[in-house]
Amino acid sequence: MEYKLDEVDLTILRMMQENARINNSEIARELGMAPSAVLERVKKLEQKEVLLAYHAKVNPNAIDQKMLSFIFIKVDEIIGDEETGKLLAEIPEVLEVHDIAGDDGYMIKVRTSDSLALVSLMRNSLSRIQGVISTRTIIVLQTVKEDNKLIIPEKLN
């Protein structure tokens, strides 16, 4: 899909990425546009799947999900087969699933309450997925930066 974003679209994206709750009137004021024109732009960005979703960022410590881990998963599936990835994505504790190059087939990002919950996840969920040969787990001791914001340029070529 070709997106064809102009400088106004990019400014709207930057503003919304910084604050997804910003209203169209505030964006319009900043851009010197009518709120209805901003609303139309935002709707088009949603339709083009440039804006994919709106989220609240929840503190994982507040909901007892203190342990962050990355798990590399070696699989025996044929390259291009996505079945294992789909099954991994169904596990509630799995936040991200990445099909990666190298010896491992997938890397997943997981949040659990503690090491016992992580062990339970590995024994009761990961081990039951057919085709998983082995796993290698990295436990995060401290997060220095965790952000999903993209660098949105001033203009595209």
N, C-alpha and C. Protein backbone atom coordinates (compact mmCIF):
# COMPACT_ATOMS: atom_id res chain seq x y z
N MET A 1 0.85 -1.18 0.00
CA MET A 1 0.00 0.00 0.00
C MET A 1 0.89 1.24 0.00
N GLU A 2 0.56 2.19 -0.84
CA GLU A 2 1.30 3.44 -0.88
C GLU A 2 0.58 4.47 -0.01
N TYR A 3 1.33 5.15 0.83
CA TYR A 3 0.71 6.02 1.82
C TYR A 3 0.60 7.48 1.40
N LYS A 4 1.57 8.01 0.69
CA LYS A 4 1.57 9.40 0.22
C LYS A 4 1.18 10.37 1.34
N LEU A 5 2.07 10.54 2.30
CA LEU A 5 1.83 11.44 3.42
C LEU A 5 2.50 12.78 3.15
N ASP A 6 1.78 13.86 3.43
CA ASP A 6 2.38 15.18 3.27
C ASP A 6 2.82 15.70 4.64
N GLU A 7 3.35 16.93 4.66
CA GLU A 7 3.89 17.50 5.89
C GLU A 7 2.81 17.67 6.96
N VAL A 8 1.59 17.97 6.57
CA VAL A 8 0.49 18.11 7.53
C VAL A 8 0.20 16.76 8.18
N ASP A 9 0.13 15.71 7.36
CA ASP A 9 -0.09 14.37 7.90
C ASP A 9 1.00 14.00 8.90
N LEU A 10 2.24 14.28 8.55
CA LEU A 10 3.37 13.94 9.42
C LEU A 10 3.30 14.72 10.73
N THR A 11 2.89 15.99 10.68
CA THR A 11 2.74 16.78 11.89
C THR A 11 1.63 16.21 12.77
N ILE A 12 0.53 15.83 12.16
CA ILE A 12 -0.58 15.21 12.91
C ILE A 12 -0.08 13.93 13.58
N LEU A 13 0.67 13.12 12.86
CA LEU A 13 1.19 11.87 13.43
C LEU A 13 2.11 12.14 14.61
N ARG A 14 3.00 13.12 14.47
CA ARG A 14 3.90 13.46 15.58
C ARG A 14 3.11 13.89 16.81
N MET A 15 2.10 14.74 16.60
CA MET A 15 1.31 15.24 17.72
C MET A 15 0.51 14.12 18.38
N MET A 16 -0.07 13.24 17.58
CA MET A 16 -0.87 12.16 18.13
C MET A 16 -0.01 11.09 18.79
N GLN A 17 1.19 10.89 18.26
CA GLN A 17 2.08 9.92 18.88
C GLN A 17 2.54 10.42 20.25
N GLU A 18 2.72 11.71 20.36
CA GLU A 18 3.12 12.29 21.65
C GLU A 18 1.97 12.24 22.66
N ASN A 19 0.74 12.46 22.17
CA ASN A 19 -0.43 12.45 23.05
C ASN A 19 -1.63 11.95 22.25
N ALA A 20 -1.94 10.67 22.39
CA ALA A 20 -3.05 10.08 21.63
C ALA A 20 -4.40 10.65 22.02
N ARG A 21 -4.45 11.33 23.17
CA ARG A 21 -5.72 11.91 23.62
C ARG A 21 -5.90 13.36 23.14
N ILE A 22 -4.95 13.86 22.38
CA ILE A 22 -5.08 15.24 21.89
C ILE A 22 -6.34 15.33 21.02
N ASN A 23 -7.07 16.42 21.17
CA ASN A 23 -8.30 16.53 20.38
C ASN A 23 -8.04 17.29 19.07
N ASN A 24 -8.97 17.14 18.16
CA ASN A 24 -8.81 17.74 16.84
C ASN A 24 -8.70 19.26 16.90
N SER A 25 -9.36 19.88 17.87
CA SER A 25 -9.30 21.34 18.00
C SER A 25 -7.89 21.80 18.33
N GLU A 26 -7.20 21.06 19.21
CA GLU A 26 -5.83 21.43 19.56
C GLU A 26 -4.90 21.26 18.36
N ILE A 27 -5.07 20.17 17.62
CA ILE A 27 -4.25 19.95 16.42
C ILE A 27 -4.54 21.05 15.40
N ALA A 28 -5.82 21.36 15.21
CA ALA A 28 -6.22 22.38 14.25
C ALA A 28 -5.62 23.74 14.61
N ARG A 29 -5.66 24.08 15.89
CA ARG A 29 -5.10 25.35 16.36
C ARG A 29 -3.60 25.42 16.04
N GLU A 30 -2.88 24.32 16.31
CA GLU A 30 -1.44 24.26 16.06
C GLU A 30 -1.12 24.38 14.57
N LEU A 31 -1.97 23.80 13.73
CA LEU A 31 -1.73 23.79 12.28
C LEU A 31 -2.40 24.94 11.54
N GLY A 32 -3.25 25.68 12.23
CA GLY A 32 -3.98 26.75 11.57
C GLY A 32 -5.02 26.22 10.59
N MET A 33 -5.67 25.13 10.97
CA MET A 33 -6.68 24.49 10.13
C MET A 33 -8.00 24.44 10.87
N ALA A 34 -9.05 24.11 10.15
CA ALA A 34 -10.36 23.90 10.77
C ALA A 34 -10.38 22.52 11.42
N PRO A 35 -11.02 22.37 12.59
CA PRO A 35 -11.12 21.06 13.25
C PRO A 35 -11.72 19.99 12.34
N SER A 36 -12.68 20.37 11.50
CA SER A 36 -13.29 19.39 10.59
C SER A 36 -12.27 18.87 9.57
N ALA A 37 -11.35 19.74 9.14
CA ALA A 37 -10.32 19.31 8.19
C ALA A 37 -9.34 18.35 8.86
N VAL A 38 -9.04 18.61 10.13
CA VAL A 38 -8.16 17.71 10.88
C VAL A 38 -8.84 16.36 11.07
N LEU A 39 -10.12 16.39 11.43
CA LEU A 39 -10.86 15.15 11.61
C LEU A 39 -10.83 14.32 10.33
N GLU A 40 -11.02 14.96 9.20
CA GLU A 40 -11.00 14.26 7.91
C GLU A 40 -9.62 13.66 7.66
N ARG A 41 -8.56 14.39 7.98
CA ARG A 41 -7.20 13.89 7.82
C ARG A 41 -6.97 12.66 8.70
N VAL A 42 -7.40 12.74 9.95
CA VAL A 42 -7.21 11.63 10.89
C VAL A 42 -7.98 10.39 10.40
N LYS A 43 -9.20 10.59 9.93
CA LYS A 43 -9.98 9.46 9.41
C LYS A 43 -9.27 8.81 8.22
N LYS A 44 -8.70 9.62 7.34
CA LYS A 44 -7.97 9.08 6.18
C LYS A 44 -6.73 8.32 6.63
N LEU A 45 -6.04 8.84 7.67
CA LEU A 45 -4.86 8.14 8.19
C LEU A 45 -5.25 6.79 8.79
N GLU A 46 -6.42 6.73 9.40
CA GLU A 46 -6.92 5.46 9.94
C GLU A 46 -7.29 4.51 8.80
N GLN A 47 -7.98 5.02 7.79
CA GLN A 47 -8.40 4.19 6.66
C GLN A 47 -7.21 3.63 5.89
N LYS A 48 -6.15 4.43 5.76
CA LYS A 48 -4.94 3.99 5.05
C LYS A 48 -4.08 3.07 5.92
N GLU A 49 -4.50 2.84 7.15
CA GLU A 49 -3.77 2.05 8.13
C GLU A 49 -2.40 2.64 8.45
N VAL A 50 -2.32 3.97 8.46
CA VAL A 50 -1.14 4.65 8.96
C VAL A 50 -1.28 4.76 10.47
N LEU A 51 -2.43 5.17 10.94
CA LEU A 51 -2.77 5.12 12.36
C LEU A 51 -3.44 3.77 12.61
N LEU A 52 -2.78 2.92 13.37
CA LEU A 52 -3.28 1.56 13.55
C LEU A 52 -4.15 1.38 14.78
N ALA A 53 -3.85 2.11 15.86
CA ALA A 53 -4.60 1.93 17.11
C ALA A 53 -4.25 3.06 18.08
N TYR A 54 -5.03 3.15 19.13
CA TYR A 54 -4.78 4.10 20.20
C TYR A 54 -4.65 3.30 21.49
N HIS A 55 -3.63 3.61 22.30
CA HIS A 55 -3.37 2.82 23.49
C HIS A 55 -3.10 3.70 24.70
N ALA A 56 -3.40 3.13 25.86
CA ALA A 56 -2.96 3.73 27.12
C ALA A 56 -1.73 2.95 27.57
N LYS A 57 -0.70 3.63 28.00
CA LYS A 57 0.50 2.96 28.49
C LYS A 57 0.33 2.72 29.99
N VAL A 58 0.26 1.46 30.38
CA VAL A 58 0.02 1.08 31.77
C VAL A 58 1.34 0.69 32.42
N ASN A 59 1.55 1.14 33.63
CA ASN A 59 2.75 0.78 34.39
C ASN A 59 2.67 -0.70 34.76
N PRO A 60 3.57 -1.54 34.24
CA PRO A 60 3.49 -2.97 34.53
C PRO A 60 3.63 -3.31 36.02
N ASN A 61 4.35 -2.49 36.75
CA ASN A 61 4.50 -2.73 38.19
C ASN A 61 3.17 -2.57 38.92
N ALA A 62 2.32 -1.69 38.43
CA ALA A 62 1.03 -1.44 39.07
C ALA A 62 0.10 -2.63 38.95
N ILE A 63 0.33 -3.49 37.97
CA ILE A 63 -0.53 -4.66 37.79
C ILE A 63 0.25 -5.96 37.97
N ASP A 64 1.31 -5.88 38.75
CA ASP A 64 2.11 -7.04 39.14
C ASP A 64 2.65 -7.81 37.94
N GLN A 65 3.16 -7.09 36.97
CA GLN A 65 3.86 -7.71 35.85
C GLN A 65 5.27 -7.15 35.79
N LYS A 66 6.00 -7.42 36.85
CA LYS A 66 7.31 -6.82 37.06
C LYS A 66 8.42 -7.45 36.23
N MET A 67 8.28 -8.70 35.84
CA MET A 67 9.36 -9.39 35.14
C MET A 67 9.19 -9.28 33.63
N LEU A 68 10.23 -8.73 33.00
CA LEU A 68 10.28 -8.61 31.55
C LEU A 68 11.34 -9.58 31.04
N SER A 69 10.98 -10.37 30.04
CA SER A 69 11.90 -11.35 29.47
C SER A 69 11.79 -11.35 27.96
N PHE A 70 12.90 -11.73 27.34
CA PHE A 70 12.93 -11.98 25.91
C PHE A 70 13.30 -13.44 25.74
N ILE A 71 12.55 -14.15 24.93
CA ILE A 71 12.79 -15.58 24.75
C ILE A 71 13.04 -15.84 23.26
N PHE A 72 14.18 -16.44 22.98
CA PHE A 72 14.52 -16.86 21.63
C PHE A 72 14.06 -18.30 21.49
N ILE A 73 13.35 -18.59 20.43
CA ILE A 73 12.73 -19.90 20.26
C ILE A 73 13.22 -20.54 18.96
N LYS A 74 13.86 -21.69 19.11
CA LYS A 74 14.31 -22.46 17.94
C LYS A 74 13.16 -23.38 17.55
N VAL A 75 12.84 -23.38 16.26
CA VAL A 75 11.71 -24.18 15.77
C VAL A 75 12.17 -25.05 14.60
N ASP A 76 11.37 -26.05 14.31
CA ASP A 76 11.70 -26.95 13.19
C ASP A 76 10.83 -26.69 11.97
N GLU A 77 10.15 -25.54 11.91
CA GLU A 77 9.24 -25.29 10.79
C GLU A 77 9.99 -24.82 9.55
N ILE A 78 9.34 -24.97 8.43
CA ILE A 78 9.88 -24.55 7.15
C ILE A 78 9.88 -23.02 7.10
N ILE A 79 10.91 -22.44 6.52
CA ILE A 79 10.99 -20.98 6.40
C ILE A 79 9.74 -20.47 5.70
N GLY A 80 9.14 -19.45 6.26
CA GLY A 80 7.92 -18.87 5.68
C GLY A 80 6.64 -19.41 6.29
N ASP A 81 6.74 -20.53 7.02
CA ASP A 81 5.56 -21.08 7.70
C ASP A 81 5.32 -20.22 8.95
N GLU A 82 4.13 -19.72 9.11
CA GLU A 82 3.84 -18.79 10.21
C GLU A 82 3.02 -19.41 11.33
N GLU A 83 2.82 -20.71 11.30
CA GLU A 83 1.95 -21.36 12.29
C GLU A 83 2.46 -21.18 13.71
N THR A 84 3.75 -21.40 13.95
CA THR A 84 4.30 -21.25 15.29
C THR A 84 4.13 -19.80 15.78
N GLY A 85 4.40 -18.85 14.91
CA GLY A 85 4.25 -17.45 15.27
C GLY A 85 2.83 -17.11 15.68
N LYS A 86 1.86 -17.66 14.97
CA LYS A 86 0.45 -17.42 15.31
C LYS A 86 0.10 -18.01 16.67
N LEU A 87 0.63 -19.21 16.94
CA LEU A 87 0.37 -19.84 18.23
C LEU A 87 1.04 -19.07 19.37
N LEU A 88 2.23 -18.56 19.14
CA LEU A 88 2.92 -17.75 20.15
C LEU A 88 2.12 -16.47 20.44
N ALA A 89 1.58 -15.88 19.40
CA ALA A 89 0.83 -14.63 19.54
C ALA A 89 -0.45 -14.81 20.36
N GLU A 90 -0.96 -16.01 20.45
CA GLU A 90 -2.18 -16.28 21.22
C GLU A 90 -1.94 -16.34 22.73
N ILE A 91 -0.69 -16.43 23.15
CA ILE A 91 -0.38 -16.53 24.58
C ILE A 91 -0.52 -15.13 25.19
N PRO A 92 -1.38 -14.96 26.19
CA PRO A 92 -1.66 -13.62 26.73
C PRO A 92 -0.42 -12.87 27.26
N GLU A 93 0.52 -13.55 27.86
CA GLU A 93 1.70 -12.88 28.42
C GLU A 93 2.69 -12.42 27.35
N VAL A 94 2.54 -12.90 26.13
CA VAL A 94 3.43 -12.54 25.04
C VAL A 94 3.00 -11.19 24.47
N LEU A 95 3.89 -10.22 24.57
CA LEU A 95 3.60 -8.86 24.10
C LEU A 95 4.00 -8.66 22.64
N GLU A 96 5.06 -9.32 22.21
CA GLU A 96 5.56 -9.17 20.85
C GLU A 96 6.05 -10.52 20.34
N VAL A 97 5.86 -10.77 19.05
CA VAL A 97 6.38 -11.97 18.40
C VAL A 97 7.12 -11.50 17.15
N HIS A 98 8.39 -11.90 17.04
CA HIS A 98 9.20 -11.51 15.89
C HIS A 98 9.78 -12.75 15.23
N ASP A 99 9.55 -12.90 13.94
CA ASP A 99 10.18 -13.94 13.12
C ASP A 99 11.56 -13.38 12.78
N ILE A 100 12.63 -14.05 13.21
CA ILE A 100 13.96 -13.45 13.10
C ILE A 100 14.90 -14.31 12.24
N ALA A 101 15.95 -13.67 11.76
CA ALA A 101 17.01 -14.36 11.02
C ALA A 101 17.97 -14.97 12.03
N GLY A 102 18.66 -15.99 11.61
CA GLY A 102 19.65 -16.63 12.47
C GLY A 102 19.21 -18.02 12.90
N ASP A 103 19.87 -18.54 13.92
CA ASP A 103 19.60 -19.90 14.38
C ASP A 103 18.21 -20.07 14.98
N ASP A 104 17.74 -19.03 15.64
CA ASP A 104 16.41 -19.10 16.25
C ASP A 104 15.36 -18.67 15.23
N GLY A 105 14.18 -19.20 15.36
CA GLY A 105 13.11 -18.83 14.44
C GLY A 105 12.31 -17.62 14.90
N TYR A 106 12.16 -17.50 16.22
CA TYR A 106 11.34 -16.42 16.77
C TYR A 106 11.99 -15.82 18.01
N MET A 107 11.66 -14.56 18.25
CA MET A 107 12.00 -13.90 19.50
C MET A 107 10.69 -13.31 20.02
N ILE A 108 10.38 -13.58 21.29
CA ILE A 108 9.17 -13.03 21.87
C ILE A 108 9.52 -12.17 23.09
N LYS A 109 8.69 -11.18 23.33
CA LYS A 109 8.80 -10.32 24.51
C LYS A 109 7.66 -10.72 25.44
N VAL A 110 8.00 -10.99 26.69
CA VAL A 110 7.03 -11.55 27.64
C VAL A 110 7.06 -10.76 28.94
N ARG A 111 5.89 -10.54 29.51
CA ARG A 111 5.79 -9.94 30.86
C ARG A 111 5.06 -10.91 31.76
N THR A 112 5.67 -11.17 32.92
CA THR A 112 5.05 -12.02 33.94
C THR A 112 5.25 -11.36 35.31
N SER A 113 4.59 -11.92 36.31
CA SER A 113 4.72 -11.35 37.66
C SER A 113 6.08 -11.64 38.28
N ASP A 114 6.59 -12.84 38.03
CA ASP A 114 7.86 -13.23 38.65
C ASP A 114 8.43 -14.44 37.91
N SER A 115 9.53 -14.98 38.43
CA SER A 115 10.19 -16.10 37.77
C SER A 115 9.33 -17.36 37.79
N LEU A 116 8.54 -17.57 38.83
CA LEU A 116 7.66 -18.74 38.87
C LEU A 116 6.61 -18.67 37.77
N ALA A 117 6.08 -17.50 37.53
CA ALA A 117 5.10 -17.33 36.45
C ALA A 117 5.76 -17.53 35.09
N LEU A 118 7.02 -17.11 34.97
CA LEU A 118 7.75 -17.32 33.72
C LEU A 118 7.97 -18.81 33.47
N VAL A 119 8.37 -19.53 34.50
CA VAL A 119 8.56 -20.98 34.38
C VAL A 119 7.23 -21.65 33.99
N SER A 120 6.16 -21.24 34.61
CA SER A 120 4.84 -21.79 34.31
C SER A 120 4.48 -21.53 32.84
N LEU A 121 4.73 -20.33 32.38
CA LEU A 121 4.46 -19.98 30.98
C LEU A 121 5.26 -20.90 30.05
N MET A 122 6.51 -21.11 30.37
CA MET A 122 7.36 -21.94 29.51
C MET A 122 6.90 -23.41 29.54
N ARG A 123 6.56 -23.90 30.71
CA ARG A 123 6.13 -25.31 30.83
C ARG A 123 4.73 -25.56 30.28
N ASN A 124 3.83 -24.63 30.53
CA ASN A 124 2.42 -24.86 30.18
C ASN A 124 2.00 -24.29 28.83
N SER A 125 2.76 -23.36 28.30
CA SER A 125 2.38 -22.76 27.02
C SER A 125 3.40 -23.05 25.92
N LEU A 126 4.64 -22.63 26.14
CA LEU A 126 5.65 -22.78 25.09
C LEU A 126 5.94 -24.25 24.78
N SER A 127 6.06 -25.07 25.80
CA SER A 127 6.42 -26.48 25.58
C SER A 127 5.32 -27.25 24.86
N ARG A 128 4.12 -26.71 24.85
CA ARG A 128 3.00 -27.41 24.21
C ARG A 128 2.83 -27.05 22.73
N ILE A 129 3.65 -26.13 22.26
CA ILE A 129 3.58 -25.76 20.84
C ILE A 129 4.46 -26.72 20.06
N GLN A 130 3.81 -27.47 19.18
CA GLN A 130 4.54 -28.44 18.38
C GLN A 130 5.52 -27.73 17.47
N GLY A 131 6.72 -28.24 17.37
CA GLY A 131 7.73 -27.64 16.51
C GLY A 131 8.76 -26.83 17.27
N VAL A 132 8.50 -26.51 18.54
CA VAL A 132 9.48 -25.79 19.34
C VAL A 132 10.56 -26.78 19.76
N ILE A 133 11.79 -26.51 19.36
CA ILE A 133 12.91 -27.40 19.66
C ILE A 133 13.58 -26.99 20.97
N SER A 134 13.83 -25.68 21.11
CA SER A 134 14.48 -25.19 22.33
C SER A 134 14.20 -23.71 22.51
N THR A 135 14.47 -23.24 23.73
CA THR A 135 14.31 -21.81 24.04
C THR A 135 15.56 -21.32 24.74
N ARG A 136 15.77 -20.03 24.63
CA ARG A 136 16.86 -19.34 25.34
C ARG A 136 16.26 -18.06 25.88
N THR A 137 16.31 -17.89 27.19
CA THR A 137 15.61 -16.78 27.84
C THR A 137 16.58 -15.76 28.38
N ILE A 138 16.26 -14.50 28.15
CA ILE A 138 17.01 -13.38 28.71
C ILE A 138 16.06 -12.65 29.64
N ILE A 139 16.44 -12.52 30.90
CA ILE A 139 15.63 -11.81 31.89
C ILE A 139 16.20 -10.40 32.04
N VAL A 140 15.33 -9.41 31.93
CA VAL A 140 15.74 -8.01 32.01
C VAL A 140 15.88 -7.63 33.49
N LEU A 141 17.03 -7.10 33.86
CA LEU A 141 17.27 -6.67 35.24
C LEU A 141 16.74 -5.27 35.48
N GLN A 142 16.92 -4.40 34.49
CA GLN A 142 16.47 -3.01 34.61
C GLN A 142 16.22 -2.47 33.20
N THR A 143 15.13 -1.76 33.04
CA THR A 143 14.82 -1.15 31.75
C THR A 143 15.26 0.31 31.79
N VAL A 144 16.15 0.66 30.88
CA VAL A 144 16.64 2.03 30.79
C VAL A 144 15.72 2.85 29.90
N LYS A 145 15.25 2.25 28.83
CA LYS A 145 14.32 2.93 27.92
C LYS A 145 13.40 1.89 27.30
N GLU A 146 12.12 2.20 27.29
CA GLU A 146 11.13 1.36 26.61
C GLU A 146 10.11 2.31 26.01
N ASP A 147 10.12 2.38 24.70
CA ASP A 147 9.27 3.34 24.02
C ASP A 147 8.86 2.78 22.68
N ASN A 148 7.65 3.06 22.26
CA ASN A 148 7.17 2.61 20.96
C ASN A 148 7.04 3.75 19.96
N LYS A 149 7.55 4.92 20.33
CA LYS A 149 7.44 6.06 19.43
C LYS A 149 8.41 5.93 18.27
N LEU A 150 7.90 6.18 17.07
CA LEU A 150 8.73 6.17 15.88
C LEU A 150 9.26 7.57 15.60
N ILE A 151 10.37 7.65 14.92
CA ILE A 151 10.88 8.95 14.49
C ILE A 151 10.10 9.33 13.23
N ILE A 152 9.30 10.38 13.34
CA ILE A 152 8.49 10.82 12.20
C ILE A 152 9.19 12.02 11.59
N PRO A 153 9.60 11.91 10.33
CA PRO A 153 10.36 13.00 9.69
C PRO A 153 9.49 14.24 9.46
N GLU A 154 10.16 15.33 9.18
CA GLU A 154 9.45 16.57 8.85
C GLU A 154 8.74 16.44 7.51
N LYS A 155 9.39 15.73 6.56
CA LYS A 155 8.76 15.46 5.27
C LYS A 155 9.38 14.20 4.68
N LEU A 156 8.63 13.56 3.79
CA LEU A 156 9.09 12.36 3.12
C LEU A 156 9.58 12.71 1.73
N ASN A 157 10.48 11.91 1.22
CA ASN A 157 11.05 12.16 -0.12
C ASN A 157 10.00 12.04 -1.20
